């Protein structure tokens, strides 16, 4: 899980705000976490089976997913999508 975590820093004229982020395992999108949810508390909650708000792990690939990917009942990790695209490109090249 640690590979997919990071942070965004918004620098404004009056203040600087940092948000912790994660990369969705299905669409490869960057998702900003709620301000009161830290990476440590998220990791602890996931280990205890108590997931926080809109942040959940996919039971198929065991990766963090964004709210829009959670609506899709099938598990399709981003790497699997890329492999399918590469496979089609190889077949067309023949």
C-alpha atoms as a PDB file:
ATOM      1  CA  UNK A   1       0.000   0.000   0.000  1.00  0.00           C
ATOM      2  CA  UNK A   2       2.829   2.438   0.709  1.00  0.00           C
ATOM      3  CA  UNK A   3       3.709   2.822  -3.002  1.00  0.00           C
ATOM      4  CA  UNK A   4       0.381   4.430  -3.828  1.00  0.00           C
ATOM      5  CA  UNK A   5       0.444   7.148  -1.157  1.00  0.00           C
ATOM      6  CA  UNK A   6       1.536  10.784  -1.427  1.00  0.00           C
ATOM      7  CA  UNK A   7       0.453  14.355  -0.797  1.00  0.00           C
ATOM      8  CA  UNK A   8      -0.607  17.506  -2.630  1.00  0.00           C
ATOM      9  CA  UNK A   9       0.353  20.967  -1.481  1.00  0.00           C
ATOM     10  CA  UNK A  10      -1.871  23.925  -2.433  1.00  0.00           C
ATOM     11  CA  UNK A  11       0.005  27.207  -2.079  1.00  0.00           C
ATOM     12  CA  UNK A  12      -2.343  30.154  -1.948  1.00  0.00           C
ATOM     13  CA  UNK A  13      -1.862  33.879  -1.355  1.00  0.00           C
ATOM     14  CA  UNK A  14      -2.889  33.590   2.292  1.00  0.00           C
ATOM     15  CA  UNK A  15      -2.032  30.042   3.335  1.00  0.00           C
ATOM     16  CA  UNK A  16      -0.598  26.697   2.335  1.00  0.00           C
ATOM     17  CA  UNK A  17      -2.709  23.562   2.680  1.00  0.00           C
ATOM     18  CA  UNK A  18      -1.479  19.983   2.384  1.00  0.00           C
ATOM     19  CA  UNK A  19      -3.677  17.003   1.606  1.00  0.00           C
ATOM     20  CA  UNK A  20      -2.650  13.375   1.719  1.00  0.00           C
ATOM     21  CA  UNK A  21      -3.455  11.387  -1.433  1.00  0.00           C
ATOM     22  CA  UNK A  22      -3.511   7.872  -2.804  1.00  0.00           C
ATOM     23  CA  UNK A  23      -3.548   6.414  -6.303  1.00  0.00           C
ATOM     24  CA  UNK A  24      -6.614   4.381  -7.230  1.00  0.00           C
ATOM     25  CA  UNK A  25      -5.684   0.810  -8.111  1.00  0.00           C
ATOM     26  CA  UNK A  26      -8.377   0.552 -10.793  1.00  0.00           C
ATOM     27  CA  UNK A  27      -8.342   3.850 -12.742  1.00  0.00           C
ATOM     28  CA  UNK A  28      -4.874   5.115 -11.692  1.00  0.00           C
ATOM     29  CA  UNK A  29      -6.428   8.420 -10.634  1.00  0.00           C
ATOM     30  CA  UNK A  30      -5.076  10.528  -7.779  1.00  0.00           C
ATOM     31  CA  UNK A  31      -7.574  10.822  -4.921  1.00  0.00           C
ATOM     32  CA  UNK A  32      -7.347  13.479  -2.220  1.00  0.00           C
ATOM     33  CA  UNK A  33      -8.225  12.235   1.245  1.00  0.00           C
ATOM     34  CA  UNK A  34     -10.416  14.120   3.663  1.00  0.00           C
ATOM     35  CA  UNK A  35      -8.475  16.640   5.736  1.00  0.00           C
ATOM     36  CA  UNK A  36      -9.118  14.779   9.002  1.00  0.00           C
ATOM     37  CA  UNK A  37      -8.012  11.370   7.618  1.00  0.00           C
ATOM     38  CA  UNK A  38      -4.276  10.695   7.818  1.00  0.00           C
ATOM     39  CA  UNK A  39      -2.387   7.916   6.089  1.00  0.00           C
ATOM     40  CA  UNK A  40      -1.528   6.344   9.439  1.00  0.00           C
ATOM     41  CA  UNK A  41      -5.127   6.348  10.660  1.00  0.00           C
ATOM     42  CA  UNK A  42      -6.286   4.988   7.279  1.00  0.00           C
ATOM     43  CA  UNK A  43      -3.723   2.177   7.377  1.00  0.00           C
ATOM     44  CA  UNK A  44      -4.696   1.296  10.947  1.00  0.00           C
ATOM     45  CA  UNK A  45      -8.420   1.346  10.088  1.00  0.00           C
ATOM     46  CA  UNK A  46      -7.878  -0.917   7.076  1.00  0.00           C
ATOM     47  CA  UNK A  47      -5.868  -3.388   9.156  1.00  0.00           C
ATOM     48  CA  UNK A  48      -8.684  -3.495  11.722  1.00  0.00           C
ATOM     49  CA  UNK A  49     -11.330  -3.891   9.008  1.00  0.00           C
ATOM     50  CA  UNK A  50     -12.894  -0.469   9.694  1.00  0.00           C
ATOM     51  CA  UNK A  51     -12.564   1.475   6.467  1.00  0.00           C
ATOM     52  CA  UNK A  52     -12.936   5.256   6.468  1.00  0.00           C
ATOM     53  CA  UNK A  53     -15.672   7.040   4.529  1.00  0.00           C
ATOM     54  CA  UNK A  54     -15.127   6.848   0.768  1.00  0.00           C
ATOM     55  CA  UNK A  55     -11.745   5.135   0.953  1.00  0.00           C
ATOM     56  CA  UNK A  56     -11.981   1.378   0.570  1.00  0.00           C
ATOM     57  CA  UNK A  57      -9.865  -1.526  -0.535  1.00  0.00           C
ATOM     58  CA  UNK A  58     -10.951  -3.736  -3.407  1.00  0.00           C
ATOM     59  CA  UNK A  59     -11.437  -7.266  -2.149  1.00  0.00           C
ATOM     60  CA  UNK A  60     -10.252  -8.687  -5.476  1.00  0.00           C
ATOM     61  CA  UNK A  61      -6.867  -6.959  -5.840  1.00  0.00           C
ATOM     62  CA  UNK A  62      -6.400  -5.584  -2.289  1.00  0.00           C
ATOM     63  CA  UNK A  63      -5.729  -2.026  -3.512  1.00  0.00           C
ATOM     64  CA  UNK A  64      -7.207   1.314  -2.491  1.00  0.00           C
ATOM     65  CA  UNK A  65      -9.951   2.472  -4.863  1.00  0.00           C
ATOM     66  CA  UNK A  66     -11.654   5.799  -5.514  1.00  0.00           C
ATOM     67  CA  UNK A  67     -15.410   6.312  -4.928  1.00  0.00           C
ATOM     68  CA  UNK A  68     -16.273   6.078  -8.642  1.00  0.00           C
ATOM     69  CA  UNK A  69     -14.444   2.745  -9.059  1.00  0.00           C
ATOM     70  CA  UNK A  70     -16.138   1.381  -5.950  1.00  0.00           C
ATOM     71  CA  UNK A  71     -19.463   1.557  -7.789  1.00  0.00           C
ATOM     72  CA  UNK A  72     -18.195  -0.949 -10.376  1.00  0.00           C
ATOM     73  CA  UNK A  73     -18.698  -4.471  -8.980  1.00  0.00           C
ATOM     74  CA  UNK A  74     -15.882  -6.051 -11.017  1.00  0.00           C
ATOM     75  CA  UNK A  75     -12.206  -5.923 -10.109  1.00  0.00           C
ATOM     76  CA  UNK A  76     -10.151  -4.589 -13.017  1.00  0.00           C
ATOM     77  CA  UNK A  77      -6.728  -3.342 -11.847  1.00  0.00           C
ATOM     78  CA  UNK A  78      -5.075  -0.703 -14.012  1.00  0.00           C
ATOM     79  CA  UNK A  79      -2.186  -3.021 -14.903  1.00  0.00           C
ATOM     80  CA  UNK A  80      -4.641  -5.562 -16.321  1.00  0.00           C
ATOM     81  CA  UNK A  81      -6.186  -2.858 -18.533  1.00  0.00           C
ATOM     82  CA  UNK A  82      -2.735  -1.887 -19.837  1.00  0.00           C
ATOM     83  CA  UNK A  83      -1.871  -5.526 -20.542  1.00  0.00           C
ATOM     84  CA  UNK A  84      -5.075  -5.892 -22.592  1.00  0.00           C
ATOM     85  CA  UNK A  85      -4.233  -2.779 -24.620  1.00  0.00           C
ATOM     86  CA  UNK A  86      -0.708  -4.059 -25.286  1.00  0.00           C
ATOM     87  CA  UNK A  87      -2.064  -7.484 -26.285  1.00  0.00           C
ATOM     88  CA  UNK A  88      -4.466  -5.909 -28.787  1.00  0.00           C
ATOM     89  CA  UNK A  89      -1.671  -3.764 -30.231  1.00  0.00           C
ATOM     90  CA  UNK A  90       0.530  -6.832 -30.706  1.00  0.00           C
ATOM     91  CA  UNK A  91      -2.290  -8.701 -32.479  1.00  0.00           C
ATOM     92  CA  UNK A  92      -2.928  -5.765 -34.827  1.00  0.00           C
ATOM     93  CA  UNK A  93       0.769  -5.584 -35.681  1.00  0.00           C
ATOM     94  CA  UNK A  94       0.772  -9.159 -37.000  1.00  0.00           C
END
